[in-house]
Amino acid sequence: MSPSIIDSQVIPTPKSVGVKSSKSPLPEVKEFDAATATIDDLVAALKVAGGVIIRNLLAQDELDNIEKDVRPWLEKDKPWDGYAFPAETRRAYGLIGKSETFALRIVGHLLWLGVTDALLTSTLECNWFGDKNDVSVSPPQVNNTIAFSIGPGARNQPLHRDDVVHHRCYSAVAEHELGRDAGIGFFVAGKRTTRANGATRFIPGSHLWDYSEGPAREEQTYYAELAPGDGFMILSGCFHGGSANTTEDQERLVYSTFSTRGWMRQEENQYLAVDTEKIKELPRWLQERIGYGLSRPFLGWVDLKSPMSVLHPEHDNQDDLF
């Protein structure tokens, strides 16, 4: 995984020369194969376009396992009462506790972990405690986990930015600046997703625009069409949305997770969404990623200890809180 390279406590100063807007040429959305893609490849592509496609991330048997675990929860879901989702959409939440394959192979995919580490890790370089300076690192954490099933007849979901949950509002910049991102999303296709059946659409480069500029224009959207097992990563600052399903009999099935900075509140409350006993069955590194690790300095402690001590009282972790 990539090293910590950012102090995100400092909001970058916008550059006035060559700033991007909805009138700028839209950047190319790059595609890579999971077998040969590097974390640096994906990070570079995300910085420019805000989104990137990775082919062949998961095998069919892994997709089958996830669908078997998640399908009963999709079938229990009710239509959304409001405009956020079309009535034909069904969702399942808290997927880390519902599907071990989802937890290990999507939330825990090495490419995903590397990308989020590179773009969402915060390092506090100046932290004087008396005459001692403690450098503190806050790693990324899970922000949400959702499965989306879009059925025939669904309308377009309105284009939106997901970083609104963290009250982000930025001026335009000329190029991506570390510290600007509140989160990153990761979508893996359970079934073939096309423009016709509801593939996620987004506006490349819109993560660099002035947030006061709007609304988003549909004619600028790019459709992330995926084969089963393909993935799509997107910065939370990009305009995006699920699309209309104009087919008669096709389901658009996608599994998603977002990550955010360790010092921000999680959109989906993982401590209530996932049973603690299920959490205990997962690897320790993933337990920490879910939110049971510390965001140093001092953020998230229980009895002045790492919350990992709640999961593993036999170790009674007395970690340094810095």
C-alpha atoms as a PDB file:
ATOM      1  CA  MET A   1       0.000   0.000   0.000  1.00  0.00           C
ATOM      2  CA  SER A   2       1.100   3.560  -0.643  1.00  0.00           C
ATOM      3  CA  PRO A   3       2.734   5.593   2.129  1.00  0.00           C
ATOM      4  CA  SER A   4       1.067   8.463   3.924  1.00  0.00           C
ATOM      5  CA  ILE A   5       1.814  11.596   1.948  1.00  0.00           C
ATOM      6  CA  ILE A   6      -0.609  14.317   3.011  1.00  0.00           C
ATOM      7  CA  ASP A   7      -1.498  16.713   5.756  1.00  0.00           C
ATOM      8  CA  SER A   8      -5.199  17.122   4.981  1.00  0.00           C
ATOM      9  CA  GLN A   9      -5.802  19.476   7.886  1.00  0.00           C
ATOM     10  CA  VAL A  10      -4.643  22.288   5.572  1.00  0.00           C
ATOM     11  CA  ILE A  11      -7.192  23.222   2.925  1.00  0.00           C
ATOM     12  CA  PRO A  12      -5.271  23.908  -0.291  1.00  0.00           C
ATOM     13  CA  THR A  13      -5.205  27.445  -1.689  1.00  0.00           C
ATOM     14  CA  PRO A  14      -6.969  27.478  -5.088  1.00  0.00           C
ATOM     15  CA  LYS A  15      -4.848  28.304  -8.111  1.00  0.00           C
ATOM     16  CA  SER A  16      -6.165  31.128 -10.248  1.00  0.00           C
ATOM     17  CA  VAL A  17      -4.435  30.231 -13.528  1.00  0.00           C
ATOM     18  CA  GLY A  18      -5.967  27.587 -15.764  1.00  0.00           C
ATOM     19  CA  VAL A  19      -8.686  26.608 -13.323  1.00  0.00           C
ATOM     20  CA  LYS A  20     -11.202  24.047 -14.547  1.00  0.00           C
ATOM     21  CA  SER A  21     -14.916  24.606 -15.059  1.00  0.00           C
ATOM     22  CA  SER A  22     -17.863  23.057 -16.867  1.00  0.00           C
ATOM     23  CA  LYS A  23     -16.620  24.855 -19.995  1.00  0.00           C
ATOM     24  CA  SER A  24     -13.246  23.085 -19.908  1.00  0.00           C
ATOM     25  CA  PRO A  25     -12.594  20.108 -22.198  1.00  0.00           C
ATOM     26  CA  LEU A  26     -13.562  16.887 -20.448  1.00  0.00           C
ATOM     27  CA  PRO A  27     -10.586  14.639 -19.633  1.00  0.00           C
ATOM     28  CA  GLU A  28     -10.227  11.062 -20.835  1.00  0.00           C
ATOM     29  CA  VAL A  29     -11.518   8.320 -18.533  1.00  0.00           C
ATOM     30  CA  LYS A  30      -8.820   5.673 -18.495  1.00  0.00           C
ATOM     31  CA  GLU A  31      -9.237   1.909 -18.269  1.00  0.00           C
ATOM     32  CA  PHE A  32      -6.839  -0.654 -16.774  1.00  0.00           C
ATOM     33  CA  ASP A  33      -6.767  -4.395 -16.230  1.00  0.00           C
ATOM     34  CA  ALA A  34      -6.595  -5.491 -12.608  1.00  0.00           C
ATOM     35  CA  ALA A  35      -3.806  -7.966 -13.355  1.00  0.00           C
ATOM     36  CA  THR A  36      -1.420  -5.262 -14.570  1.00  0.00           C
ATOM     37  CA  ALA A  37      -2.707  -2.004 -13.059  1.00  0.00           C
ATOM     38  CA  THR A  38      -0.597  -0.316 -10.418  1.00  0.00           C
ATOM     39  CA  ILE A  39      -1.789   1.895  -7.603  1.00  0.00           C
ATOM     40  CA  ASP A  40       0.170   4.764  -9.151  1.00  0.00           C
ATOM     41  CA  ASP A  41      -1.697   4.228 -12.447  1.00  0.00           C
ATOM     42  CA  LEU A  42      -5.080   4.461 -10.749  1.00  0.00           C
ATOM     43  CA  VAL A  43      -4.172   7.428  -8.558  1.00  0.00           C
ATOM     44  CA  ALA A  44      -2.849   9.390 -11.539  1.00  0.00           C
ATOM     45  CA  ALA A  45      -5.987   8.665 -13.560  1.00  0.00           C
ATOM     46  CA  LEU A  46      -8.253   9.684 -10.678  1.00  0.00           C
ATOM     47  CA  LYS A  47      -6.436  12.966 -10.180  1.00  0.00           C
ATOM     48  CA  VAL A  48      -7.090  13.961 -13.787  1.00  0.00           C
ATOM     49  CA  ALA A  49     -10.558  12.582 -14.563  1.00  0.00           C
ATOM     50  CA  GLY A  50     -11.983  11.865 -11.126  1.00  0.00           C
ATOM     51  CA  GLY A  51     -12.924   8.360 -12.231  1.00  0.00           C
ATOM     52  CA  VAL A  52     -11.207   5.240 -13.548  1.00  0.00           C
ATOM     53  CA  ILE A  53     -12.328   1.781 -14.740  1.00  0.00           C
ATOM     54  CA  ILE A  54     -10.535  -1.418 -13.731  1.00  0.00           C
ATOM     55  CA  ARG A  55     -11.389  -4.564 -15.656  1.00  0.00           C
ATOM     56  CA  ASN A  56     -11.432  -8.131 -14.254  1.00  0.00           C
ATOM     57  CA  LEU A  57     -11.241  -7.342 -10.545  1.00  0.00           C
ATOM     58  CA  LEU A  58     -13.363 -10.227  -9.275  1.00  0.00           C
ATOM     59  CA  ALA A  59     -14.007 -13.749 -10.558  1.00  0.00           C
ATOM     60  CA  GLN A  60     -17.487 -15.079 -11.267  1.00  0.00           C
ATOM     61  CA  ASP A  61     -17.486 -17.431  -8.268  1.00  0.00           C
ATOM     62  CA  GLU A  62     -16.757 -14.467  -5.985  1.00  0.00           C
ATOM     63  CA  LEU A  63     -19.636 -12.529  -7.528  1.00  0.00           C
ATOM     64  CA  ASP A  64     -21.906 -15.549  -7.041  1.00  0.00           C
ATOM     65  CA  ASN A  65     -20.981 -15.722  -3.350  1.00  0.00           C
ATOM     66  CA  ILE A  66     -21.695 -12.033  -2.819  1.00  0.00           C
ATOM     67  CA  GLU A  67     -25.035 -12.193  -4.611  1.00  0.00           C
ATOM     68  CA  LYS A  68     -26.074 -15.235  -2.590  1.00  0.00           C
ATOM     69  CA  ASP A  69     -25.298 -13.335   0.610  1.00  0.00           C
ATOM     70  CA  VAL A  70     -26.871 -10.034  -0.436  1.00  0.00           C
ATOM     71  CA  ARG A  71     -29.908 -11.038  -2.537  1.00  0.00           C
ATOM     72  CA  PRO A  72     -32.226 -11.757   0.444  1.00  0.00           C
ATOM     73  CA  TRP A  73     -31.566  -8.243   1.780  1.00  0.00           C
ATOM     74  CA  LEU A  74     -32.250  -6.630  -1.586  1.00  0.00           C
ATOM     75  CA  GLU A  75     -35.564  -8.444  -1.760  1.00  0.00           C
ATOM     76  CA  LYS A  76     -36.541  -7.084   1.659  1.00  0.00           C
ATOM     77  CA  ASP A  77     -35.909  -3.473   0.697  1.00  0.00           C
ATOM     78  CA  LYS A  78     -38.807  -1.099   0.021  1.00  0.00           C
ATOM     79  CA  PRO A  79     -39.059   1.723  -2.543  1.00  0.00           C
ATOM     80  CA  TRP A  80     -37.412   4.973  -1.447  1.00  0.00           C
ATOM     81  CA  ASP A  81     -39.898   7.674  -0.462  1.00  0.00           C
ATOM     82  CA  GLY A  82     -38.293  10.701  -2.088  1.00  0.00           C
ATOM     83  CA  TYR A  83     -36.201  11.778  -5.072  1.00  0.00           C
ATOM     84  CA  ALA A  84     -32.804  10.373  -4.063  1.00  0.00           C
ATOM     85  CA  PHE A  85     -33.520   6.955  -5.620  1.00  0.00           C
ATOM     86  CA  PRO A  86     -36.049   5.846  -8.247  1.00  0.00           C
ATOM     87  CA  ALA A  87     -38.789   3.546  -6.966  1.00  0.00           C
ATOM     88  CA  GLU A  88     -37.379   0.625  -8.975  1.00  0.00           C
ATOM     89  CA  THR A  89     -34.109   0.673  -7.006  1.00  0.00           C
ATOM     90  CA  ARG A  90     -33.480  -1.791  -4.200  1.00  0.00           C
ATOM     91  CA  ARG A  91     -30.596  -1.491  -1.754  1.00  0.00           C
ATOM     92  CA  ALA A  92     -28.830  -3.548   0.894  1.00  0.00           C
ATOM     93  CA  TYR A  93     -26.626  -2.004   3.574  1.00  0.00           C
ATOM     94  CA  GLY A  94     -24.104  -3.047   6.212  1.00  0.00           C
ATOM     95  CA  LEU A  95     -22.547  -5.447   3.732  1.00  0.00           C
ATOM     96  CA  ILE A  96     -19.397  -6.107   5.750  1.00  0.00           C
ATOM     97  CA  GLY A  97     -21.531  -8.073   8.185  1.00  0.00           C
ATOM     98  CA  LYS A  98     -23.625  -9.733   5.481  1.00  0.00           C
ATOM     99  CA  SER A  99     -20.969 -11.036   3.093  1.00  0.00           C
ATOM    100  CA  GLU A 100     -17.453 -12.080   4.005  1.00  0.00           C
ATOM    101  CA  THR A 101     -16.544 -12.192   0.324  1.00  0.00           C
ATOM    102  CA  PHE A 102     -17.660  -8.584  -0.074  1.00  0.00           C
ATOM    103  CA  ALA A 103     -15.655  -7.581   3.004  1.00  0.00           C
ATOM    104  CA  LEU A 104     -12.427  -9.294   1.956  1.00  0.00           C
ATOM    105  CA  ARG A 105     -12.522  -8.966  -1.841  1.00  0.00           C
ATOM    106  CA  ILE A 106     -14.095  -5.530  -2.312  1.00  0.00           C
ATOM    107  CA  VAL A 107     -13.476  -3.535   0.877  1.00  0.00           C
ATOM    108  CA  GLY A 108     -10.188  -5.401   1.232  1.00  0.00           C
ATOM    109  CA  HIS A 109      -9.066  -5.403  -2.402  1.00  0.00           C
ATOM    110  CA  LEU A 110      -5.389  -4.458  -2.524  1.00  0.00           C
ATOM    111  CA  LEU A 111      -5.808  -1.955  -5.350  1.00  0.00           C
ATOM    112  CA  TRP A 112      -8.627  -0.250  -3.473  1.00  0.00           C
ATOM    113  CA  LEU A 113      -6.661  -0.128  -0.233  1.00  0.00           C
ATOM    114  CA  GLY A 114      -3.672   1.315  -2.037  1.00  0.00           C
ATOM    115  CA  VAL A 115      -5.666   4.044  -3.780  1.00  0.00           C
ATOM    116  CA  THR A 116      -7.442   5.129  -0.620  1.00  0.00           C
ATOM    117  CA  ASP A 117      -4.212   5.078   1.377  1.00  0.00           C
ATOM    118  CA  ALA A 118      -2.559   7.301  -1.213  1.00  0.00           C
ATOM    119  CA  LEU A 119      -5.348   9.872  -1.444  1.00  0.00           C
ATOM    120  CA  LEU A 120      -7.089   9.788   1.942  1.00  0.00           C
ATOM    121  CA  THR A 121      -4.325   9.265   4.511  1.00  0.00           C
ATOM    122  CA  SER A 122      -3.723  12.351   6.671  1.00  0.00           C
ATOM    123  CA  THR A 123      -0.363  13.065   8.288  1.00  0.00           C
ATOM    124  CA  LEU A 124      -0.069  15.757  10.939  1.00  0.00           C
ATOM    125  CA  GLU A 125       3.562  16.850  10.817  1.00  0.00           C
ATOM    126  CA  CYS A 126       3.412  19.587  13.467  1.00  0.00           C
ATOM    127  CA  ASN A 127       2.060  18.312  16.762  1.00  0.00           C
ATOM    128  CA  TRP A 128       4.116  19.779  19.607  1.00  0.00           C
ATOM    129  CA  PHE A 129       3.483  18.355  23.074  1.00  0.00           C
ATOM    130  CA  GLY A 130       5.866  20.321  25.236  1.00  0.00           C
ATOM    131  CA  ASP A 131       9.266  20.057  23.591  1.00  0.00           C
ATOM    132  CA  LYS A 132       8.374  16.866  21.726  1.00  0.00           C
ATOM    133  CA  ASN A 133       6.867  16.826  18.226  1.00  0.00           C
ATOM    134  CA  ASP A 134       4.732  13.759  17.585  1.00  0.00           C
ATOM    135  CA  VAL A 135       3.952  13.100  13.926  1.00  0.00           C
ATOM    136  CA  SER A 136       0.475  11.551  13.821  1.00  0.00           C
ATOM    137  CA  VAL A 137      -1.066   9.506  11.006  1.00  0.00           C
ATOM    138  CA  SER A 138      -4.792   9.105  10.418  1.00  0.00           C
ATOM    139  CA  PRO A 139      -5.500   6.279   7.921  1.00  0.00           C
ATOM    140  CA  PRO A 140      -8.685   6.056   5.818  1.00  0.00           C
ATOM    141  CA  GLN A 141     -11.813   4.319   7.068  1.00  0.00           C
ATOM    142  CA  VAL A 142     -14.911   2.726   5.555  1.00  0.00           C
ATOM    143  CA  ASN A 143     -17.555   5.359   4.837  1.00  0.00           C
ATOM    144  CA  ASN A 144     -20.431   3.182   3.601  1.00  0.00           C
ATOM    145  CA  THR A 145     -21.295  -0.165   2.027  1.00  0.00           C
ATOM    146  CA  ILE A 146     -24.303  -0.507  -0.282  1.00  0.00           C
ATOM    147  CA  ALA A 147     -25.556  -2.914  -2.935  1.00  0.00           C
ATOM    148  CA  PHE A 148     -27.705  -1.325  -5.659  1.00  0.00           C
ATOM    149  CA  SER A 149     -30.218  -3.158  -7.823  1.00  0.00           C
ATOM    150  CA  ILE A 150     -31.828  -0.957 -10.478  1.00  0.00           C
ATOM    151  CA  GLY A 151     -34.838  -2.549 -12.149  1.00  0.00           C
ATOM    152  CA  PRO A 152     -36.490  -1.849 -15.512  1.00  0.00           C
ATOM    153  CA  GLY A 153     -38.364   1.428 -15.698  1.00  0.00           C
ATOM    154  CA  ALA A 154     -36.136   3.336 -13.267  1.00  0.00           C
ATOM    155  CA  ARG A 155     -35.491   6.994 -14.029  1.00  0.00           C
ATOM    156  CA  ASN A 156     -32.149   8.784 -13.841  1.00  0.00           C
ATOM    157  CA  GLN A 157     -30.915   9.449 -10.331  1.00  0.00           C
ATOM    158  CA  PRO A 158     -30.159  13.185 -10.056  1.00  0.00           C
ATOM    159  CA  LEU A 159     -26.503  14.063 -10.590  1.00  0.00           C
ATOM    160  CA  HIS A 160     -24.854  14.912  -7.276  1.00  0.00           C
ATOM    161  CA  ARG A 161     -21.575  14.985  -5.355  1.00  0.00           C
ATOM    162  CA  ASP A 162     -21.167  12.519  -2.493  1.00  0.00           C
ATOM    163  CA  ASP A 163     -18.844  14.756  -0.496  1.00  0.00           C
ATOM    164  CA  VAL A 164     -21.814  16.956   0.434  1.00  0.00           C
ATOM    165  CA  VAL A 165     -22.214  14.692   3.483  1.00  0.00           C
ATOM    166  CA  HIS A 166     -18.958  16.203   4.755  1.00  0.00           C
ATOM    167  CA  HIS A 167     -20.020  19.766   3.897  1.00  0.00           C
ATOM    168  CA  ARG A 168     -17.396  20.248   1.200  1.00  0.00           C
ATOM    169  CA  CYS A 169     -17.590  23.420  -0.890  1.00  0.00           C
ATOM    170  CA  TYR A 170     -14.537  24.349  -2.965  1.00  0.00           C
ATOM    171  CA  SER A 171     -13.366  26.924  -5.436  1.00  0.00           C
ATOM    172  CA  ALA A 172     -12.105  25.766  -8.825  1.00  0.00           C
ATOM    173  CA  VAL A 173      -8.523  24.545  -9.255  1.00  0.00           C
ATOM    174  CA  ALA A 174      -6.292  23.927 -12.249  1.00  0.00           C
ATOM    175  CA  GLU A 175      -5.302  20.420 -11.172  1.00  0.00           C
ATOM    176  CA  HIS A 176      -5.940  17.968  -8.376  1.00  0.00           C
ATOM    177  CA  GLU A 177      -4.503  18.941  -4.999  1.00  0.00           C
ATOM    178  CA  LEU A 178      -3.921  16.475  -2.181  1.00  0.00           C
ATOM    179  CA  GLY A 179      -6.233  17.288   0.692  1.00  0.00           C
ATOM    180  CA  ARG A 180      -9.226  18.206  -1.466  1.00  0.00           C
ATOM    181  CA  ASP A 181     -10.889  14.772  -1.352  1.00  0.00           C
ATOM    182  CA  ALA A 182     -13.218  13.817   1.467  1.00  0.00           C
ATOM    183  CA  GLY A 183     -13.804  10.373   0.031  1.00  0.00           C
ATOM    184  CA  ILE A 184     -13.546   7.900  -2.830  1.00  0.00           C
ATOM    185  CA  GLY A 185     -16.131   5.429  -4.126  1.00  0.00           C
ATOM    186  CA  PHE A 186     -15.655   1.916  -5.474  1.00  0.00           C
ATOM    187  CA  PHE A 187     -18.320   0.134  -7.548  1.00  0.00           C
ATOM    188  CA  VAL A 188     -18.007  -3.499  -8.650  1.00  0.00           C
ATOM    189  CA  ALA A 189     -20.472  -4.890 -11.189  1.00  0.00           C
ATOM    190  CA  GLY A 190     -22.364  -7.997 -10.088  1.00  0.00           C
ATOM    191  CA  LYS A 191     -23.994  -8.164 -13.517  1.00  0.00           C
ATOM    192  CA  ARG A 192     -23.254  -6.441 -16.805  1.00  0.00           C
ATOM    193  CA  THR A 193     -24.002  -2.742 -16.461  1.00  0.00           C
ATOM    194  CA  THR A 194     -24.742  -0.702 -19.574  1.00  0.00           C
ATOM    195  CA  ARG A 195     -26.026   2.719 -20.446  1.00  0.00           C
ATOM    196  CA  ALA A 196     -29.379   1.092 -21.193  1.00  0.00           C
ATOM    197  CA  ASN A 197     -29.796  -0.709 -17.859  1.00  0.00           C
ATOM    198  CA  GLY A 198     -28.574   1.957 -15.448  1.00  0.00           C
ATOM    199  CA  ALA A 199     -24.774   2.184 -15.415  1.00  0.00           C
ATOM    200  CA  THR A 200     -23.307   4.863 -13.164  1.00  0.00           C
ATOM    201  CA  ARG A 201     -22.789   8.060 -15.130  1.00  0.00           C
ATOM    202  CA  PHE A 202     -20.450  10.838 -14.035  1.00  0.00           C
ATOM    203  CA  ILE A 203     -18.886  14.035 -15.314  1.00  0.00           C
ATOM    204  CA  PRO A 204     -15.119  13.615 -15.774  1.00  0.00           C
ATOM    205  CA  GLY A 205     -13.113  16.441 -14.273  1.00  0.00           C
ATOM    206  CA  SER A 206     -15.984  17.881 -12.249  1.00  0.00           C
ATOM    207  CA  HIS A 207     -14.043  17.302  -9.014  1.00  0.00           C
ATOM    208  CA  LEU A 208     -11.910  20.313 -10.028  1.00  0.00           C
ATOM    209  CA  TRP A 209     -14.762  22.747 -10.655  1.00  0.00           C
ATOM    210  CA  ASP A 210     -16.075  25.517  -8.450  1.00  0.00           C
ATOM    211  CA  TYR A 211     -18.731  23.880  -6.287  1.00  0.00           C
ATOM    212  CA  SER A 212     -20.945  26.943  -6.608  1.00  0.00           C
ATOM    213  CA  GLU A 213     -21.138  26.330 -10.364  1.00  0.00           C
ATOM    214  CA  GLY A 214     -24.151  24.294 -11.320  1.00  0.00           C
ATOM    215  CA  PRO A 215     -26.361  22.505 -11.932  1.00  0.00           C
ATOM    216  CA  ALA A 216     -24.578  19.651 -13.687  1.00  0.00           C
ATOM    217  CA  ARG A 217     -25.313  19.132 -17.389  1.00  0.00           C
ATOM    218  CA  GLU A 218     -26.406  15.689 -18.561  1.00  0.00           C
ATOM    219  CA  GLU A 219     -24.749  16.070 -21.960  1.00  0.00           C
ATOM    220  CA  GLN A 220     -21.340  15.984 -20.230  1.00  0.00           C
ATOM    221  CA  THR A 221     -21.818  12.599 -18.577  1.00  0.00           C
ATOM    222  CA  TYR A 222     -19.715   9.514 -19.189  1.00  0.00           C
ATOM    223  CA  TYR A 223     -21.281   6.083 -18.589  1.00  0.00           C
ATOM    224  CA  ALA A 224     -19.173   3.572 -16.661  1.00  0.00           C
ATOM    225  CA  GLU A 225     -20.220   0.426 -18.513  1.00  0.00           C
ATOM    226  CA  LEU A 226     -18.880  -2.673 -16.791  1.00  0.00           C
ATOM    227  CA  ALA A 227     -18.746  -6.403 -17.358  1.00  0.00           C
ATOM    228  CA  PRO A 228     -19.379  -8.618 -14.322  1.00  0.00           C
ATOM    229  CA  GLY A 229     -16.376  -8.312 -12.004  1.00  0.00           C
ATOM    230  CA  ASP A 230     -15.192  -4.980 -13.413  1.00  0.00           C
ATOM    231  CA  GLY A 231     -14.759  -2.007 -11.079  1.00  0.00           C
ATOM    232  CA  PHE A 232     -15.172   1.747 -11.210  1.00  0.00           C
ATOM    233  CA  MET A 233     -13.518   4.151  -8.761  1.00  0.00           C
ATOM    234  CA  ILE A 234     -14.674   7.747  -8.429  1.00  0.00           C
ATOM    235  CA  LEU A 235     -13.661  10.714  -6.299  1.00  0.00           C
ATOM    236  CA  SER A 236     -16.505  11.930  -4.084  1.00  0.00           C
ATOM    237  CA  GLY A 237     -16.179  15.419  -5.556  1.00  0.00           C
ATOM    238  CA  CYS A 238     -17.383  14.303  -9.002  1.00  0.00           C
ATOM    239  CA  PHE A 239     -20.951  14.755 -10.171  1.00  0.00           C
ATOM    240  CA  HIS A 240     -22.450  11.297 -10.676  1.00  0.00           C
ATOM    241  CA  GLY A 241     -25.616   9.219 -10.357  1.00  0.00           C
ATOM    242  CA  GLY A 242     -27.257   5.944 -11.232  1.00  0.00           C
ATOM    243  CA  SER A 243     -28.900   6.005 -14.651  1.00  0.00           C
ATOM    244  CA  ALA A 244     -32.282   5.143 -16.087  1.00  0.00           C
ATOM    245  CA  ASN A 245     -32.977   1.481 -16.787  1.00  0.00           C
ATOM    246  CA  THR A 246     -34.722   1.585 -20.151  1.00  0.00           C
ATOM    247  CA  THR A 247     -34.638  -2.190 -20.697  1.00  0.00           C
ATOM    248  CA  GLU A 248     -37.580  -4.526 -20.297  1.00  0.00           C
ATOM    249  CA  ASP A 249     -35.940  -7.292 -18.298  1.00  0.00           C
ATOM    250  CA  GLN A 250     -32.374  -6.401 -17.204  1.00  0.00           C
ATOM    251  CA  GLU A 251     -31.205  -5.735 -13.653  1.00  0.00           C
ATOM    252  CA  ARG A 252     -28.247  -3.462 -12.997  1.00  0.00           C
ATOM    253  CA  LEU A 253     -26.574  -4.997  -9.927  1.00  0.00           C
ATOM    254  CA  VAL A 254     -23.608  -3.203  -8.379  1.00  0.00           C
ATOM    255  CA  TYR A 255     -21.773  -3.592  -5.063  1.00  0.00           C
ATOM    256  CA  SER A 256     -20.232  -0.442  -3.663  1.00  0.00           C
ATOM    257  CA  THR A 257     -18.164   0.904  -0.829  1.00  0.00           C
ATOM    258  CA  PHE A 258     -16.865   4.394  -0.133  1.00  0.00           C
ATOM    259  CA  SER A 259     -13.925   5.363   2.043  1.00  0.00           C
ATOM    260  CA  THR A 260     -13.344   8.651   3.847  1.00  0.00           C
ATOM    261  CA  ARG A 261     -10.689  10.255   5.990  1.00  0.00           C
ATOM    262  CA  GLY A 262     -10.167   8.779   9.427  1.00  0.00           C
ATOM    263  CA  TRP A 263     -11.055  12.022  11.207  1.00  0.00           C
ATOM    264  CA  MET A 264     -14.394  12.486   9.438  1.00  0.00           C
ATOM    265  CA  ARG A 265     -17.702  11.013  10.539  1.00  0.00           C
ATOM    266  CA  GLN A 266     -18.694   7.900   8.596  1.00  0.00           C
ATOM    267  CA  GLU A 267     -21.810   8.195   6.415  1.00  0.00           C
ATOM    268  CA  GLU A 268     -22.992   4.702   7.369  1.00  0.00           C
ATOM    269  CA  ASN A 269     -22.620   4.066  11.103  1.00  0.00           C
ATOM    270  CA  GLN A 270     -20.531   0.907  10.991  1.00  0.00           C
ATOM    271  CA  TYR A 271     -20.843   0.264  14.737  1.00  0.00           C
ATOM    272  CA  LEU A 272     -24.616  -0.104  14.460  1.00  0.00           C
ATOM    273  CA  ALA A 273     -24.780  -1.441  10.885  1.00  0.00           C
ATOM    274  CA  VAL A 274     -22.510  -4.445  11.530  1.00  0.00           C
ATOM    275  CA  ASP A 275     -22.855  -6.818  14.472  1.00  0.00           C
ATOM    276  CA  THR A 276     -19.776  -6.799  16.690  1.00  0.00           C
ATOM    277  CA  GLU A 277     -19.508 -10.586  16.593  1.00  0.00           C
ATOM    278  CA  LYS A 278     -19.300 -10.427  12.791  1.00  0.00           C
ATOM    279  CA  ILE A 279     -16.571  -7.812  13.082  1.00  0.00           C
ATOM    280  CA  LYS A 280     -14.563 -10.125  15.336  1.00  0.00           C
ATOM    281  CA  GLU A 281     -14.488 -12.765  12.576  1.00  0.00           C
ATOM    282  CA  LEU A 282     -12.616 -10.435  10.210  1.00  0.00           C
ATOM    283  CA  PRO A 283      -8.852  -9.827  10.019  1.00  0.00           C
ATOM    284  CA  ARG A 284      -7.537  -7.218  12.439  1.00  0.00           C
ATOM    285  CA  TRP A 285      -6.418  -4.870   9.648  1.00  0.00           C
ATOM    286  CA  LEU A 286      -9.970  -4.833   8.310  1.00  0.00           C
ATOM    287  CA  GLN A 287     -11.409  -4.264  11.784  1.00  0.00           C
ATOM    288  CA  GLU A 288      -9.255  -1.157  12.016  1.00  0.00           C
ATOM    289  CA  ARG A 289     -10.321  -0.065   8.532  1.00  0.00           C
ATOM    290  CA  ILE A 290     -13.979  -0.331   9.499  1.00  0.00           C
ATOM    291  CA  GLY A 291     -13.355   2.227  12.226  1.00  0.00           C
ATOM    292  CA  TYR A 292     -12.098   0.299  15.239  1.00  0.00           C
ATOM    293  CA  GLY A 293      -8.605   1.659  14.793  1.00  0.00           C
ATOM    294  CA  LEU A 294      -7.440   4.993  16.159  1.00  0.00           C
ATOM    295  CA  SER A 295      -7.270   8.145  14.092  1.00  0.00           C
ATOM    296  CA  ARG A 296      -4.204   9.653  15.686  1.00  0.00           C
ATOM    297  CA  PRO A 297      -3.847  11.854  17.605  1.00  0.00           C
ATOM    298  CA  PHE A 298      -6.430  10.849  20.196  1.00  0.00           C
ATOM    299  CA  LEU A 299      -9.472  10.406  17.944  1.00  0.00           C
ATOM    300  CA  GLY A 300     -11.780   7.495  18.692  1.00  0.00           C
ATOM    301  CA  TRP A 301     -10.416   6.190  21.992  1.00  0.00           C
ATOM    302  CA  VAL A 302     -12.359   4.170  24.576  1.00  0.00           C
ATOM    303  CA  ASP A 303     -11.123   4.472  28.172  1.00  0.00           C
ATOM    304  CA  LEU A 304      -8.025   6.155  26.661  1.00  0.00           C
ATOM    305  CA  LYS A 305      -7.269   3.006  24.672  1.00  0.00           C
ATOM    306  CA  SER A 306      -7.649   1.975  21.071  1.00  0.00           C
ATOM    307  CA  PRO A 307     -11.187   0.706  20.374  1.00  0.00           C
ATOM    308  CA  MET A 308      -9.505  -2.517  19.262  1.00  0.00           C
ATOM    309  CA  SER A 309      -9.335  -3.299  22.975  1.00  0.00           C
ATOM    310  CA  VAL A 310     -13.143  -3.675  22.899  1.00  0.00           C
ATOM    311  CA  LEU A 311     -12.874  -6.331  20.205  1.00  0.00           C
ATOM    312  CA  HIS A 312      -9.834  -7.979  21.789  1.00  0.00           C
ATOM    313  CA  PRO A 313      -9.973  -7.441  25.569  1.00  0.00           C
ATOM    314  CA  GLU A 314      -7.501 -10.269  26.037  1.00  0.00           C
ATOM    315  CA  HIS A 315      -4.832  -8.006  24.585  1.00  0.00           C
ATOM    316  CA  ASP A 316      -6.030  -4.871  26.439  1.00  0.00           C
ATOM    317  CA  ASN A 317      -4.320  -2.637  23.896  1.00  0.00           C
ATOM    318  CA  GLN A 318      -2.501   0.246  25.507  1.00  0.00           C
ATOM    319  CA  ASP A 319      -1.525   1.870  22.243  1.00  0.00           C
ATOM    320  CA  ASP A 320       0.129   5.234  22.079  1.00  0.00           C
ATOM    321  CA  LEU A 321      -2.699   7.675  21.276  1.00  0.00           C
ATOM    322  CA  PHE A 322      -0.400   9.961  19.281  1.00  0.00           C
END
